[in-house]
């Protein structure tokens, strides 16, 4: 799964444990499920620094706000300063306009440690 530099670094440092995506296409419960191995990469091509882990929890929600009622925002966006900021950041990252609800899928990753 490709990640931008900051989320990759947050996973690597242990600050981030959950990934949040718009539900659909490859991000459905049939593809993203508990027990599945996952490879986290910085971008699409940086295979040398890939992190490996296992999906240990999956949560679907009808909106970002509903998701953050179940999972603390800090586990998804550790650099956001508040819940409101995390919601705004998640909307920007997922390209969901303010006032628009879009179903999301989040999953908790437990990294394999050497």
N, C-alpha and C. Protein backbone atom coordinates (compact mmCIF):
# COMPACT_ATOMS: atom_id res chain seq x y z
N UNK A 1 0.84 -1.15 0.00
CA UNK A 1 0.00 0.00 0.00
C UNK A 1 0.90 1.23 0.00
N UNK A 2 0.77 2.08 -0.98
CA UNK A 2 1.61 3.27 -1.05
C UNK A 2 1.15 4.34 -0.06
N UNK A 3 2.11 4.99 0.58
CA UNK A 3 1.85 6.09 1.50
C UNK A 3 2.76 7.25 1.15
N UNK A 4 2.32 8.45 1.46
CA UNK A 4 3.22 9.59 1.30
C UNK A 4 4.25 9.55 2.44
N UNK A 5 5.24 10.40 2.36
CA UNK A 5 6.39 10.34 3.28
C UNK A 5 6.00 10.47 4.75
N UNK A 6 5.14 11.44 5.07
CA UNK A 6 4.78 11.64 6.48
C UNK A 6 4.05 10.44 7.08
N UNK A 7 2.96 9.96 6.47
CA UNK A 7 2.30 8.79 7.05
C UNK A 7 3.22 7.57 7.14
N UNK A 8 4.11 7.39 6.17
CA UNK A 8 5.05 6.28 6.23
C UNK A 8 5.95 6.43 7.47
N UNK A 9 6.47 7.64 7.69
CA UNK A 9 7.33 7.89 8.85
C UNK A 9 6.56 7.70 10.16
N UNK A 10 5.29 8.12 10.19
CA UNK A 10 4.49 7.96 11.41
C UNK A 10 4.27 6.48 11.72
N UNK A 11 4.00 5.66 10.70
CA UNK A 11 3.87 4.22 10.92
C UNK A 11 5.20 3.66 11.42
N UNK A 12 6.28 4.04 10.76
CA UNK A 12 7.59 3.52 11.10
C UNK A 12 7.98 3.84 12.55
N UNK A 13 7.62 5.03 13.02
CA UNK A 13 7.96 5.44 14.38
C UNK A 13 6.98 4.92 15.43
N UNK A 14 5.85 4.38 14.98
CA UNK A 14 4.84 3.90 15.92
C UNK A 14 3.80 4.93 16.31
N UNK A 15 3.92 6.17 15.79
CA UNK A 15 2.93 7.21 16.10
C UNK A 15 1.58 6.93 15.45
N UNK A 16 1.60 6.30 14.30
CA UNK A 16 0.39 6.01 13.53
C UNK A 16 0.14 4.51 13.55
N UNK A 17 -1.10 4.12 13.85
CA UNK A 17 -1.44 2.70 13.86
C UNK A 17 -2.62 2.37 12.95
N UNK A 18 -3.38 3.39 12.53
CA UNK A 18 -4.56 3.20 11.68
C UNK A 18 -4.38 3.93 10.36
N UNK A 19 -4.85 3.32 9.30
CA UNK A 19 -4.92 3.96 7.98
C UNK A 19 -6.39 4.15 7.63
N UNK A 20 -6.71 5.27 7.03
CA UNK A 20 -8.09 5.60 6.67
C UNK A 20 -8.15 5.86 5.17
N UNK A 21 -9.10 5.21 4.50
CA UNK A 21 -9.30 5.38 3.07
C UNK A 21 -10.78 5.52 2.77
N UNK A 22 -11.10 6.12 1.60
CA UNK A 22 -12.49 6.11 1.14
C UNK A 22 -12.86 4.67 0.83
N UNK A 23 -14.06 4.28 1.25
CA UNK A 23 -14.51 2.91 0.98
C UNK A 23 -14.84 2.79 -0.51
N UNK A 24 -14.43 1.68 -1.09
CA UNK A 24 -14.70 1.43 -2.50
C UNK A 24 -13.49 0.83 -3.18
N UNK A 25 -13.72 0.32 -4.37
CA UNK A 25 -12.69 -0.34 -5.17
C UNK A 25 -11.92 -1.36 -4.34
N UNK A 26 -10.63 -1.15 -4.11
CA UNK A 26 -9.86 -2.14 -3.35
C UNK A 26 -9.98 -1.95 -1.85
N UNK A 27 -10.65 -0.90 -1.40
CA UNK A 27 -10.81 -0.65 0.03
C UNK A 27 -12.23 -1.01 0.48
N UNK A 28 -12.50 -2.31 0.48
CA UNK A 28 -13.75 -2.87 0.97
C UNK A 28 -13.40 -3.99 1.94
N UNK A 29 -14.37 -4.43 2.72
CA UNK A 29 -14.10 -5.50 3.69
C UNK A 29 -13.75 -6.82 3.04
N UNK A 30 -14.08 -7.00 1.76
CA UNK A 30 -13.67 -8.23 1.10
C UNK A 30 -12.18 -8.22 0.76
N UNK A 31 -11.59 -7.03 0.61
CA UNK A 31 -10.16 -6.92 0.32
C UNK A 31 -9.34 -6.63 1.58
N UNK A 32 -9.87 -5.77 2.43
CA UNK A 32 -9.18 -5.35 3.64
C UNK A 32 -9.83 -6.10 4.80
N UNK A 33 -9.12 -7.09 5.32
CA UNK A 33 -9.73 -7.92 6.37
C UNK A 33 -8.69 -8.28 7.43
N UNK A 34 -9.21 -8.55 8.59
CA UNK A 34 -8.38 -8.94 9.73
C UNK A 34 -7.56 -10.18 9.35
N UNK A 35 -6.28 -10.15 9.72
CA UNK A 35 -5.39 -11.27 9.45
C UNK A 35 -4.62 -11.16 8.14
N UNK A 36 -4.97 -10.22 7.31
CA UNK A 36 -4.29 -10.07 6.02
C UNK A 36 -2.95 -9.36 6.22
N UNK A 37 -1.92 -9.86 5.54
CA UNK A 37 -0.62 -9.19 5.55
C UNK A 37 -0.70 -7.94 4.69
N UNK A 38 0.05 -6.92 5.09
CA UNK A 38 0.05 -5.67 4.35
C UNK A 38 1.49 -5.15 4.26
N UNK A 39 1.81 -4.62 3.09
CA UNK A 39 3.11 -3.99 2.86
C UNK A 39 2.87 -2.49 2.75
N UNK A 40 3.54 -1.73 3.59
CA UNK A 40 3.45 -0.27 3.55
C UNK A 40 4.71 0.26 2.88
N UNK A 41 4.51 1.06 1.84
CA UNK A 41 5.64 1.62 1.11
C UNK A 41 5.55 3.13 1.07
N UNK A 42 6.72 3.76 1.05
CA UNK A 42 6.78 5.20 0.81
C UNK A 42 6.67 5.37 -0.70
N UNK A 43 5.48 5.77 -1.15
CA UNK A 43 5.23 5.89 -2.58
C UNK A 43 5.00 4.52 -3.21
N UNK A 44 5.12 4.47 -4.51
CA UNK A 44 4.87 3.23 -5.24
C UNK A 44 6.14 2.42 -5.49
N UNK A 45 7.31 3.05 -5.42
CA UNK A 45 8.51 2.38 -5.90
C UNK A 45 9.54 2.07 -4.83
N UNK A 46 9.43 2.59 -3.64
CA UNK A 46 10.47 2.44 -2.62
C UNK A 46 10.32 1.11 -1.88
N UNK A 47 10.64 0.01 -2.56
CA UNK A 47 10.48 -1.32 -1.97
C UNK A 47 11.52 -1.62 -0.90
N UNK A 48 12.67 -0.96 -0.96
CA UNK A 48 13.74 -1.25 0.00
C UNK A 48 13.38 -0.85 1.42
N UNK A 49 12.57 0.18 1.58
CA UNK A 49 12.23 0.63 2.94
C UNK A 49 10.83 0.17 3.35
N UNK A 50 10.27 -0.79 2.66
CA UNK A 50 8.90 -1.24 2.95
C UNK A 50 8.79 -1.76 4.38
N UNK A 51 7.63 -1.50 4.96
CA UNK A 51 7.28 -2.04 6.27
C UNK A 51 6.24 -3.13 6.06
N UNK A 52 6.35 -4.20 6.80
CA UNK A 52 5.38 -5.29 6.71
C UNK A 52 4.62 -5.39 8.01
N UNK A 53 3.36 -5.74 7.89
CA UNK A 53 2.54 -5.91 9.08
C UNK A 53 1.31 -6.73 8.77
N UNK A 54 0.42 -6.75 9.75
CA UNK A 54 -0.82 -7.50 9.63
C UNK A 54 -1.98 -6.59 10.02
N UNK A 55 -3.07 -6.68 9.27
CA UNK A 55 -4.27 -5.95 9.62
C UNK A 55 -4.91 -6.67 10.81
N UNK A 56 -5.06 -5.95 11.92
CA UNK A 56 -5.60 -6.60 13.12
C UNK A 56 -7.00 -6.10 13.48
N UNK A 57 -7.45 -5.04 12.82
CA UNK A 57 -8.80 -4.54 13.06
C UNK A 57 -9.25 -3.74 11.84
N UNK A 58 -10.53 -3.83 11.51
CA UNK A 58 -11.10 -3.11 10.38
C UNK A 58 -12.39 -2.45 10.85
N UNK A 59 -12.60 -1.21 10.42
CA UNK A 59 -13.81 -0.49 10.79
C UNK A 59 -14.33 0.29 9.60
N UNK A 60 -15.59 0.10 9.27
CA UNK A 60 -16.26 0.89 8.24
C UNK A 60 -17.13 1.93 8.93
N UNK A 61 -17.25 3.10 8.30
CA UNK A 61 -18.12 4.15 8.82
C UNK A 61 -18.70 4.94 7.66
N UNK A 62 -19.83 5.58 7.92
CA UNK A 62 -20.50 6.36 6.88
C UNK A 62 -19.87 7.72 6.64
N UNK A 63 -18.98 8.13 7.55
CA UNK A 63 -18.32 9.43 7.42
C UNK A 63 -17.04 9.44 8.25
N UNK A 64 -16.21 10.44 7.99
CA UNK A 64 -14.99 10.61 8.78
C UNK A 64 -15.36 10.88 10.24
N UNK A 65 -16.37 11.71 10.44
CA UNK A 65 -16.79 12.05 11.81
C UNK A 65 -17.23 10.81 12.57
N UNK A 66 -17.99 9.94 11.91
CA UNK A 66 -18.45 8.70 12.55
C UNK A 66 -17.27 7.78 12.85
N UNK A 67 -16.30 7.74 11.96
CA UNK A 67 -15.10 6.92 12.18
C UNK A 67 -14.35 7.40 13.42
N UNK A 68 -14.17 8.73 13.53
CA UNK A 68 -13.41 9.28 14.65
C UNK A 68 -14.18 9.20 15.97
N UNK A 69 -15.44 8.82 15.95
CA UNK A 69 -16.15 8.52 17.19
C UNK A 69 -15.75 7.16 17.74
N UNK A 70 -15.21 6.31 16.88
CA UNK A 70 -14.81 4.95 17.27
C UNK A 70 -13.30 4.78 17.41
N UNK A 71 -12.55 5.53 16.63
CA UNK A 71 -11.09 5.45 16.64
C UNK A 71 -10.56 6.85 16.90
N UNK A 72 -9.69 6.98 17.89
CA UNK A 72 -9.14 8.30 18.21
C UNK A 72 -8.37 8.86 17.02
N UNK A 73 -8.63 10.10 16.69
CA UNK A 73 -8.02 10.74 15.52
C UNK A 73 -6.50 10.69 15.56
N UNK A 74 -5.92 10.71 16.75
CA UNK A 74 -4.46 10.74 16.88
C UNK A 74 -3.81 9.46 16.34
N UNK A 75 -4.55 8.34 16.33
CA UNK A 75 -4.02 7.08 15.82
C UNK A 75 -3.94 7.08 14.29
N UNK A 76 -4.66 8.02 13.65
CA UNK A 76 -4.69 8.14 12.19
C UNK A 76 -3.82 9.30 11.73
N UNK A 77 -3.97 10.43 12.38
CA UNK A 77 -3.26 11.66 12.00
C UNK A 77 -2.56 12.24 13.23
N UNK A 78 -1.42 11.67 13.63
CA UNK A 78 -0.78 12.07 14.88
C UNK A 78 -0.26 13.50 14.93
N UNK A 79 -0.12 14.14 13.80
CA UNK A 79 0.38 15.52 13.79
C UNK A 79 -0.74 16.55 13.84
N UNK A 80 -1.98 16.13 13.70
CA UNK A 80 -3.10 17.07 13.82
C UNK A 80 -3.20 17.51 15.28
N UNK A 81 -3.63 18.75 15.47
CA UNK A 81 -3.66 19.31 16.82
C UNK A 81 -4.96 19.13 17.56
N UNK A 82 -6.01 18.72 16.87
CA UNK A 82 -7.32 18.57 17.50
C UNK A 82 -8.20 17.69 16.63
N UNK A 83 -9.34 17.31 17.16
CA UNK A 83 -10.29 16.52 16.38
C UNK A 83 -10.75 17.29 15.15
N UNK A 84 -11.09 18.56 15.31
CA UNK A 84 -11.53 19.36 14.16
C UNK A 84 -10.45 19.45 13.09
N UNK A 85 -9.21 19.63 13.52
CA UNK A 85 -8.10 19.70 12.56
C UNK A 85 -7.91 18.35 11.87
N UNK A 86 -8.04 17.26 12.62
CA UNK A 86 -7.90 15.92 12.03
C UNK A 86 -8.99 15.66 11.00
N UNK A 87 -10.21 16.08 11.30
CA UNK A 87 -11.31 15.92 10.34
C UNK A 87 -11.01 16.71 9.07
N UNK A 88 -10.57 17.95 9.24
CA UNK A 88 -10.23 18.78 8.06
C UNK A 88 -9.08 18.16 7.28
N UNK A 89 -8.06 17.67 7.97
CA UNK A 89 -6.92 17.04 7.30
C UNK A 89 -7.35 15.78 6.55
N UNK A 90 -8.18 14.95 7.20
CA UNK A 90 -8.65 13.72 6.54
C UNK A 90 -9.50 14.06 5.31
N UNK A 91 -10.35 15.07 5.41
CA UNK A 91 -11.15 15.50 4.26
C UNK A 91 -10.26 15.92 3.10
N UNK A 92 -9.21 16.69 3.41
CA UNK A 92 -8.29 17.16 2.37
C UNK A 92 -7.56 15.98 1.73
N UNK A 93 -7.04 15.07 2.56
CA UNK A 93 -6.28 13.92 2.06
C UNK A 93 -7.17 13.01 1.21
N UNK A 94 -8.40 12.78 1.67
CA UNK A 94 -9.31 11.86 0.97
C UNK A 94 -10.15 12.55 -0.10
N UNK A 95 -9.96 13.86 -0.24
CA UNK A 95 -10.70 14.64 -1.24
C UNK A 95 -12.21 14.55 -1.03
N UNK A 96 -12.63 14.81 0.21
CA UNK A 96 -14.04 14.85 0.57
C UNK A 96 -14.37 16.26 1.01
N UNK A 97 -15.25 16.91 0.30
CA UNK A 97 -15.59 18.30 0.59
C UNK A 97 -16.29 18.43 1.94
N UNK A 98 -16.10 19.59 2.58
CA UNK A 98 -16.78 19.88 3.83
C UNK A 98 -18.29 19.84 3.60
N UNK A 99 -19.00 19.18 4.51
CA UNK A 99 -20.44 19.05 4.38
C UNK A 99 -20.88 17.83 3.59
N UNK A 100 -19.94 17.18 2.93
CA UNK A 100 -20.24 15.97 2.17
C UNK A 100 -19.86 14.76 3.01
N UNK A 101 -20.74 13.79 3.09
CA UNK A 101 -20.42 12.53 3.76
C UNK A 101 -20.01 11.52 2.71
N UNK A 102 -18.98 10.76 3.03
CA UNK A 102 -18.53 9.69 2.14
C UNK A 102 -18.13 8.52 3.03
N UNK A 103 -18.52 7.32 2.68
CA UNK A 103 -18.16 6.17 3.49
C UNK A 103 -16.65 5.94 3.49
N UNK A 104 -16.13 5.58 4.64
CA UNK A 104 -14.70 5.34 4.80
C UNK A 104 -14.46 3.96 5.40
N UNK A 105 -13.25 3.49 5.21
CA UNK A 105 -12.82 2.22 5.79
C UNK A 105 -11.46 2.47 6.42
N UNK A 106 -11.34 2.09 7.66
CA UNK A 106 -10.07 2.22 8.36
C UNK A 106 -9.59 0.86 8.81
N UNK A 107 -8.28 0.73 8.91
CA UNK A 107 -7.73 -0.53 9.38
C UNK A 107 -6.49 -0.28 10.22
N UNK A 108 -6.42 -1.06 11.29
CA UNK A 108 -5.29 -0.97 12.21
C UNK A 108 -4.23 -1.97 11.78
N UNK A 109 -2.99 -1.49 11.73
CA UNK A 109 -1.88 -2.33 11.28
C UNK A 109 -0.93 -2.57 12.44
N UNK A 110 -0.63 -3.83 12.67
CA UNK A 110 0.41 -4.18 13.64
C UNK A 110 1.65 -4.53 12.83
N UNK A 111 2.70 -3.72 12.99
CA UNK A 111 3.92 -3.94 12.21
C UNK A 111 4.70 -5.14 12.74
N UNK A 112 5.31 -5.85 11.82
CA UNK A 112 6.21 -6.95 12.17
C UNK A 112 7.51 -6.31 12.60
N UNK A 113 7.97 -6.64 13.77
CA UNK A 113 9.23 -6.07 14.28
C UNK A 113 10.33 -7.14 14.20
N UNK A 114 11.51 -6.73 13.69
CA UNK A 114 12.62 -7.69 13.56
C UNK A 114 13.11 -8.18 14.91
